[in-house]
Structures are given as structure tokens and as C-alpha cells.
Amino acid sequence: MSIFVSYTTRDSYVNRNTLKMVSGVLSNYGPHYIDLLHNDAPEKQRHVEEMLSHAQLMILIRSRSIEKSEWVQWELSEAKKIGIPIIEVQASINQKETISNLKYKLASELKKLERRSSKDAQTCAA
């Protein structure tokens, strides 16, 4: 499953270290993309658009400033438009709490998505 991580670093809730920790957790779930860590393309915005278009799941790290970030708003809009499921993870000033929130949300929400996928497959087979 290809995972796209949406976030903003406008406030002190999310920084490079937090994102490295997020990446460590997501590595257990498959390929993932975090712009600040993985984007070394010459055309950075185009690369973000490309990576989002191939994502099968979006993780939104919800901090106070996401409503003010035009990029996060665009990413959310695009994900909804193309039908990418979105899992929201509450960011905390405490990085360990953010990572704990991520682990909890992944465990619970992925089970729901798997159930939904199997129901869809059964419906298509019928």
C-alpha cells in the first residue's frame, strides 16, 4: 500500500524529527512518501502531485496550522477528488504522543479499510 503523508511544519507540532519517526512507523506498512524527507526532485511541486496521484492512502497529521496551509488543503482536496482514503492523526507538541496516535489510528483504521475492501470485493463478485 502506497501511503502519502500530509502535514505542515508551520507550527512546532511537526518537524523533521517527528517526520522521521512517522516514516519509521510507516515503513512497517509499505512504501510511503513524506515530502520533507523524500523529495529530492528538481520540480518539487510536480513531484508532490505525482506521488499523491499514486497513493492508496493518505495520513493527515492534524496540527493547529493545517487549515492555514494552502498545500495541505490542496492535498486533501485532491485526495478526496480521486477517492484516496484519509486517516487523520492528531499531532501533539509531544512527539511520542503523536507517534502513539499514529500507531493507534493505523491499527484501527486499516482494519476498517480492509473490511470495507472485502465487502466491496464480495459485492463485485455477486
N, C-alpha and C. Protein backbone atom coordinates (compact mmCIF):
# COMPACT_ATOMS: atom_id res chain seq x y z
N MET A 1 0.85 -1.18 0.00
CA MET A 1 0.00 0.00 0.00
C MET A 1 0.89 1.24 0.00
N SER A 2 0.65 2.12 -0.92
CA SER A 2 1.42 3.36 -1.02
C SER A 2 0.74 4.45 -0.18
N ILE A 3 1.48 5.02 0.75
CA ILE A 3 0.93 5.98 1.71
C ILE A 3 1.55 7.36 1.49
N PHE A 4 0.70 8.37 1.40
CA PHE A 4 1.13 9.76 1.26
C PHE A 4 0.86 10.46 2.59
N VAL A 5 1.84 11.16 3.11
CA VAL A 5 1.68 11.85 4.39
C VAL A 5 1.52 13.34 4.14
N SER A 6 0.42 13.90 4.64
CA SER A 6 0.15 15.33 4.51
C SER A 6 0.31 15.98 5.89
N TYR A 7 0.96 17.13 5.91
CA TYR A 7 1.28 17.80 7.18
C TYR A 7 1.71 19.22 6.87
N THR A 8 1.88 20.02 7.90
CA THR A 8 2.54 21.31 7.76
C THR A 8 3.55 21.46 8.89
N THR A 9 4.60 22.19 8.60
CA THR A 9 5.61 22.47 9.63
C THR A 9 5.50 23.91 10.11
N ARG A 10 4.34 24.53 9.87
CA ARG A 10 4.15 25.94 10.26
C ARG A 10 4.13 26.15 11.76
N ASP A 11 3.81 25.13 12.50
CA ASP A 11 3.81 25.26 13.96
C ASP A 11 4.83 24.28 14.53
N SER A 12 4.96 24.23 15.82
CA SER A 12 6.00 23.40 16.43
C SER A 12 5.57 21.95 16.65
N TYR A 13 4.42 21.56 16.13
CA TYR A 13 3.92 20.21 16.34
C TYR A 13 4.60 19.18 15.43
N VAL A 14 4.99 19.61 14.24
CA VAL A 14 5.59 18.69 13.27
C VAL A 14 6.91 19.28 12.79
N ASN A 15 7.96 18.48 12.89
CA ASN A 15 9.27 18.91 12.38
C ASN A 15 9.95 17.70 11.74
N ARG A 16 11.16 17.89 11.26
CA ARG A 16 11.87 16.82 10.56
C ARG A 16 12.01 15.57 11.44
N ASN A 17 12.30 15.75 12.71
CA ASN A 17 12.45 14.60 13.60
C ASN A 17 11.13 13.84 13.76
N THR A 18 10.04 14.57 13.92
CA THR A 18 8.72 13.93 14.01
C THR A 18 8.46 13.11 12.75
N LEU A 19 8.77 13.71 11.60
CA LEU A 19 8.52 13.04 10.32
C LEU A 19 9.40 11.80 10.15
N LYS A 20 10.61 11.84 10.67
CA LYS A 20 11.47 10.65 10.63
C LYS A 20 10.86 9.53 11.47
N MET A 21 10.29 9.90 12.61
CA MET A 21 9.63 8.90 13.46
C MET A 21 8.39 8.34 12.77
N VAL A 22 7.62 9.21 12.11
CA VAL A 22 6.45 8.77 11.34
C VAL A 22 6.90 7.80 10.25
N SER A 23 7.97 8.14 9.56
CA SER A 23 8.50 7.29 8.50
C SER A 23 8.89 5.91 9.04
N GLY A 24 9.48 5.89 10.22
CA GLY A 24 9.85 4.62 10.84
C GLY A 24 8.65 3.73 11.09
N VAL A 25 7.55 4.32 11.55
CA VAL A 25 6.32 3.55 11.78
C VAL A 25 5.74 3.07 10.45
N LEU A 26 5.66 3.98 9.49
CA LEU A 26 5.04 3.64 8.20
C LEU A 26 5.84 2.61 7.41
N SER A 27 7.12 2.51 7.68
CA SER A 27 7.94 1.52 6.95
C SER A 27 7.45 0.10 7.20
N ASN A 28 6.72 -0.10 8.29
CA ASN A 28 6.13 -1.42 8.57
C ASN A 28 4.90 -1.70 7.71
N TYR A 29 4.37 -0.67 7.05
CA TYR A 29 3.15 -0.81 6.28
C TYR A 29 3.38 -0.74 4.77
N GLY A 30 4.61 -0.47 4.36
CA GLY A 30 4.90 -0.43 2.93
C GLY A 30 5.45 0.92 2.51
N PRO A 31 5.50 1.13 1.19
CA PRO A 31 6.08 2.38 0.69
C PRO A 31 5.26 3.59 1.13
N HIS A 32 5.96 4.66 1.45
CA HIS A 32 5.28 5.88 1.89
C HIS A 32 6.08 7.08 1.40
N TYR A 33 5.39 8.22 1.37
CA TYR A 33 6.02 9.44 0.85
C TYR A 33 5.80 10.57 1.84
N ILE A 34 6.89 11.18 2.27
CA ILE A 34 6.87 12.36 3.14
C ILE A 34 7.73 13.40 2.44
N ASP A 35 7.10 14.44 1.95
CA ASP A 35 7.78 15.43 1.11
C ASP A 35 9.11 15.91 1.68
N LEU A 36 9.12 16.34 2.92
CA LEU A 36 10.33 16.90 3.53
C LEU A 36 11.49 15.89 3.57
N LEU A 37 11.16 14.62 3.66
CA LEU A 37 12.20 13.58 3.74
C LEU A 37 12.55 12.95 2.40
N HIS A 38 11.57 12.88 1.49
CA HIS A 38 11.75 12.08 0.29
C HIS A 38 11.79 12.85 -1.02
N ASN A 39 11.61 14.15 -0.99
CA ASN A 39 11.52 14.90 -2.24
C ASN A 39 12.86 15.54 -2.60
N ASP A 40 13.57 14.90 -3.50
CA ASP A 40 14.81 15.49 -4.00
C ASP A 40 14.70 15.81 -5.49
N ALA A 41 13.47 15.89 -5.98
CA ALA A 41 13.23 16.17 -7.40
C ALA A 41 13.50 17.64 -7.71
N PRO A 42 13.92 17.94 -8.93
CA PRO A 42 14.15 19.33 -9.30
C PRO A 42 12.85 20.15 -9.30
N GLU A 43 11.75 19.53 -9.73
CA GLU A 43 10.45 20.20 -9.73
C GLU A 43 9.65 19.66 -8.55
N LYS A 44 9.84 20.27 -7.41
CA LYS A 44 9.30 19.74 -6.15
C LYS A 44 7.78 19.64 -6.14
N GLN A 45 7.09 20.70 -6.59
CA GLN A 45 5.63 20.67 -6.56
C GLN A 45 5.08 19.59 -7.48
N ARG A 46 5.67 19.46 -8.64
CA ARG A 46 5.24 18.44 -9.60
C ARG A 46 5.43 17.04 -9.00
N HIS A 47 6.52 16.85 -8.30
CA HIS A 47 6.80 15.55 -7.68
C HIS A 47 5.75 15.22 -6.61
N VAL A 48 5.38 16.21 -5.81
CA VAL A 48 4.34 16.00 -4.79
C VAL A 48 3.04 15.58 -5.47
N GLU A 49 2.66 16.29 -6.53
CA GLU A 49 1.44 15.96 -7.27
C GLU A 49 1.48 14.52 -7.79
N GLU A 50 2.62 14.14 -8.34
CA GLU A 50 2.80 12.79 -8.88
C GLU A 50 2.67 11.73 -7.78
N MET A 51 3.33 11.96 -6.67
CA MET A 51 3.29 10.99 -5.58
C MET A 51 1.87 10.85 -5.01
N LEU A 52 1.17 11.96 -4.89
CA LEU A 52 -0.20 11.91 -4.39
C LEU A 52 -1.10 11.14 -5.36
N SER A 53 -0.90 11.33 -6.65
CA SER A 53 -1.75 10.66 -7.63
C SER A 53 -1.60 9.14 -7.59
N HIS A 54 -0.49 8.63 -7.07
CA HIS A 54 -0.26 7.19 -6.98
C HIS A 54 -0.56 6.61 -5.60
N ALA A 55 -0.92 7.46 -4.66
CA ALA A 55 -1.16 6.99 -3.29
C ALA A 55 -2.44 6.18 -3.18
N GLN A 56 -2.43 5.22 -2.27
CA GLN A 56 -3.61 4.43 -1.97
C GLN A 56 -4.22 4.81 -0.63
N LEU A 57 -3.47 5.59 0.14
CA LEU A 57 -3.92 6.03 1.46
C LEU A 57 -3.21 7.33 1.80
N MET A 58 -3.93 8.24 2.45
CA MET A 58 -3.31 9.47 2.94
C MET A 58 -3.37 9.47 4.46
N ILE A 59 -2.25 9.82 5.07
CA ILE A 59 -2.21 10.08 6.50
C ILE A 59 -2.13 11.59 6.65
N LEU A 60 -3.11 12.18 7.30
CA LEU A 60 -3.11 13.62 7.59
C LEU A 60 -2.66 13.81 9.03
N ILE A 61 -1.53 14.45 9.21
CA ILE A 61 -1.08 14.76 10.56
C ILE A 61 -1.68 16.11 10.92
N ARG A 62 -2.71 16.05 11.76
CA ARG A 62 -3.52 17.23 12.06
C ARG A 62 -2.89 18.05 13.18
N SER A 63 -2.38 19.22 12.80
CA SER A 63 -1.85 20.17 13.78
C SER A 63 -2.67 21.46 13.66
N ARG A 64 -2.39 22.41 14.51
CA ARG A 64 -3.17 23.64 14.54
C ARG A 64 -3.16 24.41 13.22
N SER A 65 -2.08 24.30 12.48
CA SER A 65 -1.91 25.15 11.29
C SER A 65 -2.35 24.53 9.97
N ILE A 66 -2.91 23.32 9.97
CA ILE A 66 -3.23 22.73 8.67
C ILE A 66 -4.30 23.50 7.91
N GLU A 67 -5.20 24.14 8.64
CA GLU A 67 -6.24 24.92 7.96
C GLU A 67 -5.64 26.12 7.22
N LYS A 68 -4.49 26.60 7.67
CA LYS A 68 -3.84 27.77 7.06
C LYS A 68 -2.91 27.38 5.92
N SER A 69 -2.63 26.11 5.78
CA SER A 69 -1.69 25.66 4.75
C SER A 69 -2.43 25.39 3.44
N GLU A 70 -2.15 26.21 2.44
CA GLU A 70 -2.78 26.01 1.13
C GLU A 70 -2.40 24.65 0.55
N TRP A 71 -1.15 24.23 0.76
CA TRP A 71 -0.71 22.94 0.24
C TRP A 71 -1.47 21.79 0.87
N VAL A 72 -1.63 21.81 2.18
CA VAL A 72 -2.38 20.74 2.85
C VAL A 72 -3.81 20.73 2.35
N GLN A 73 -4.41 21.90 2.21
CA GLN A 73 -5.79 21.97 1.73
C GLN A 73 -5.90 21.42 0.31
N TRP A 74 -4.92 21.73 -0.53
CA TRP A 74 -4.91 21.21 -1.90
C TRP A 74 -4.77 19.68 -1.88
N GLU A 75 -3.84 19.18 -1.06
CA GLU A 75 -3.63 17.73 -0.97
C GLU A 75 -4.90 17.01 -0.52
N LEU A 76 -5.58 17.57 0.47
CA LEU A 76 -6.83 16.97 0.95
C LEU A 76 -7.89 16.98 -0.14
N SER A 77 -8.02 18.09 -0.82
CA SER A 77 -8.99 18.21 -1.90
C SER A 77 -8.73 17.19 -3.00
N GLU A 78 -7.47 17.06 -3.40
CA GLU A 78 -7.10 16.09 -4.44
C GLU A 78 -7.36 14.66 -3.98
N ALA A 79 -7.01 14.36 -2.76
CA ALA A 79 -7.22 13.00 -2.23
C ALA A 79 -8.71 12.66 -2.25
N LYS A 80 -9.54 13.59 -1.83
CA LYS A 80 -10.99 13.36 -1.84
C LYS A 80 -11.50 13.20 -3.26
N LYS A 81 -11.00 14.04 -4.16
CA LYS A 81 -11.43 14.01 -5.56
C LYS A 81 -11.14 12.66 -6.21
N ILE A 82 -9.98 12.08 -5.92
CA ILE A 82 -9.63 10.81 -6.57
C ILE A 82 -9.93 9.59 -5.70
N GLY A 83 -10.56 9.82 -4.56
CA GLY A 83 -11.05 8.71 -3.73
C GLY A 83 -10.01 8.03 -2.86
N ILE A 84 -8.98 8.76 -2.46
CA ILE A 84 -7.97 8.18 -1.57
C ILE A 84 -8.49 8.26 -0.14
N PRO A 85 -8.56 7.13 0.57
CA PRO A 85 -8.98 7.19 1.98
C PRO A 85 -8.00 8.04 2.79
N ILE A 86 -8.54 8.76 3.76
CA ILE A 86 -7.73 9.66 4.59
C ILE A 86 -7.85 9.23 6.05
N ILE A 87 -6.72 9.01 6.68
CA ILE A 87 -6.68 8.73 8.12
C ILE A 87 -6.08 9.95 8.79
N GLU A 88 -6.85 10.55 9.71
CA GLU A 88 -6.37 11.73 10.43
C GLU A 88 -5.72 11.31 11.73
N VAL A 89 -4.53 11.87 11.96
CA VAL A 89 -3.76 11.59 13.17
C VAL A 89 -3.53 12.91 13.88
N GLN A 90 -3.96 13.00 15.12
CA GLN A 90 -3.77 14.24 15.88
C GLN A 90 -2.31 14.41 16.26
N ALA A 91 -1.75 15.56 15.89
CA ALA A 91 -0.38 15.89 16.29
C ALA A 91 -0.39 16.47 17.69
N SER A 92 0.68 16.25 18.39
CA SER A 92 0.85 16.78 19.74
C SER A 92 2.20 17.46 19.82
N ILE A 93 2.33 18.40 20.73
CA ILE A 93 3.63 19.03 20.96
C ILE A 93 4.64 17.97 21.43
N ASN A 94 4.11 16.89 22.02
CA ASN A 94 4.92 15.76 22.47
C ASN A 94 5.02 14.76 21.31
N GLN A 95 6.20 14.61 20.73
CA GLN A 95 6.39 13.73 19.57
C GLN A 95 5.99 12.29 19.86
N LYS A 96 6.29 11.80 21.05
CA LYS A 96 5.94 10.42 21.38
C LYS A 96 4.43 10.22 21.36
N GLU A 97 3.70 11.24 21.79
CA GLU A 97 2.24 11.16 21.76
C GLU A 97 1.73 11.14 20.32
N THR A 98 2.33 11.95 19.47
CA THR A 98 1.96 11.95 18.05
C THR A 98 2.18 10.56 17.45
N ILE A 99 3.31 9.95 17.74
CA ILE A 99 3.62 8.62 17.21
C ILE A 99 2.67 7.58 17.78
N SER A 100 2.33 7.70 19.05
CA SER A 100 1.36 6.80 19.66
C SER A 100 0.00 6.95 18.98
N ASN A 101 -0.41 8.19 18.71
CA ASN A 101 -1.67 8.44 18.00
C ASN A 101 -1.63 7.80 16.61
N LEU A 102 -0.50 7.92 15.93
CA LEU A 102 -0.35 7.33 14.60
C LEU A 102 -0.50 5.81 14.65
N LYS A 103 0.18 5.17 15.56
CA LYS A 103 0.11 3.71 15.68
C LYS A 103 -1.32 3.25 15.97
N TYR A 104 -1.99 3.94 16.88
CA TYR A 104 -3.36 3.59 17.23
C TYR A 104 -4.28 3.74 16.02
N LYS A 105 -4.18 4.89 15.35
CA LYS A 105 -5.05 5.15 14.20
C LYS A 105 -4.80 4.16 13.07
N LEU A 106 -3.54 3.86 12.80
CA LEU A 106 -3.23 2.89 11.74
C LEU A 106 -3.84 1.54 12.06
N ALA A 107 -3.67 1.08 13.28
CA ALA A 107 -4.19 -0.23 13.67
C ALA A 107 -5.71 -0.28 13.53
N SER A 108 -6.40 0.74 14.02
CA SER A 108 -7.87 0.70 13.99
C SER A 108 -8.44 1.02 12.61
N GLU A 109 -7.90 2.02 11.95
CA GLU A 109 -8.47 2.44 10.66
C GLU A 109 -8.14 1.47 9.53
N LEU A 110 -6.97 0.87 9.54
CA LEU A 110 -6.63 -0.08 8.48
C LEU A 110 -7.53 -1.31 8.55
N LYS A 111 -7.90 -1.72 9.76
CA LYS A 111 -8.85 -2.84 9.88
C LYS A 111 -10.18 -2.48 9.23
N LYS A 112 -10.65 -1.25 9.47
CA LYS A 112 -11.91 -0.80 8.86
C LYS A 112 -11.80 -0.78 7.34
N LEU A 113 -10.68 -0.27 6.83
CA LEU A 113 -10.48 -0.21 5.38
C LEU A 113 -10.41 -1.60 4.77
N GLU A 114 -9.76 -2.53 5.46
CA GLU A 114 -9.68 -3.91 4.96
C GLU A 114 -11.06 -4.55 4.91
N ARG A 115 -11.86 -4.32 5.95
CA ARG A 115 -13.23 -4.86 5.96
C ARG A 115 -14.04 -4.27 4.82
N ARG A 116 -13.91 -2.96 4.62
CA ARG A 116 -14.63 -2.29 3.55
C ARG A 116 -14.21 -2.85 2.19
N SER A 117 -12.91 -3.08 2.01
CA SER A 117 -12.40 -3.63 0.75
C SER A 117 -12.94 -5.02 0.50
N SER A 118 -13.00 -5.86 1.57
CA SER A 118 -13.53 -7.19 1.35
C SER A 118 -15.01 -7.18 1.06
N LYS A 119 -15.74 -6.26 1.66
CA LYS A 119 -17.17 -6.14 1.34
C LYS A 119 -17.35 -5.70 -0.10
N ASP A 120 -16.53 -4.74 -0.55
CA ASP A 120 -16.60 -4.28 -1.94
C ASP A 120 -16.28 -5.42 -2.90
N ALA A 121 -15.29 -6.24 -2.58
CA ALA A 121 -14.90 -7.37 -3.43
C ALA A 121 -16.04 -8.39 -3.49
N GLN A 122 -16.70 -8.63 -2.35
CA GLN A 122 -17.82 -9.57 -2.33
C GLN A 122 -18.98 -9.04 -3.15
N THR A 123 -19.23 -7.73 -3.07
CA THR A 123 -20.31 -7.12 -3.84
C THR A 123 -20.03 -7.23 -5.33
N CYS A 124 -18.78 -6.98 -5.72
CA CYS A 124 -18.40 -7.07 -7.14
C CYS A 124 -18.51 -8.49 -7.65
N ALA A 125 -18.22 -9.47 -6.80
CA ALA A 125 -18.26 -10.87 -7.21
C ALA A 125 -19.69 -11.38 -7.35
N ALA A 126 -20.62 -10.75 -6.65
CA ALA A 126 -22.01 -11.21 -6.65
C ALA A 126 -22.75 -10.86 -7.92
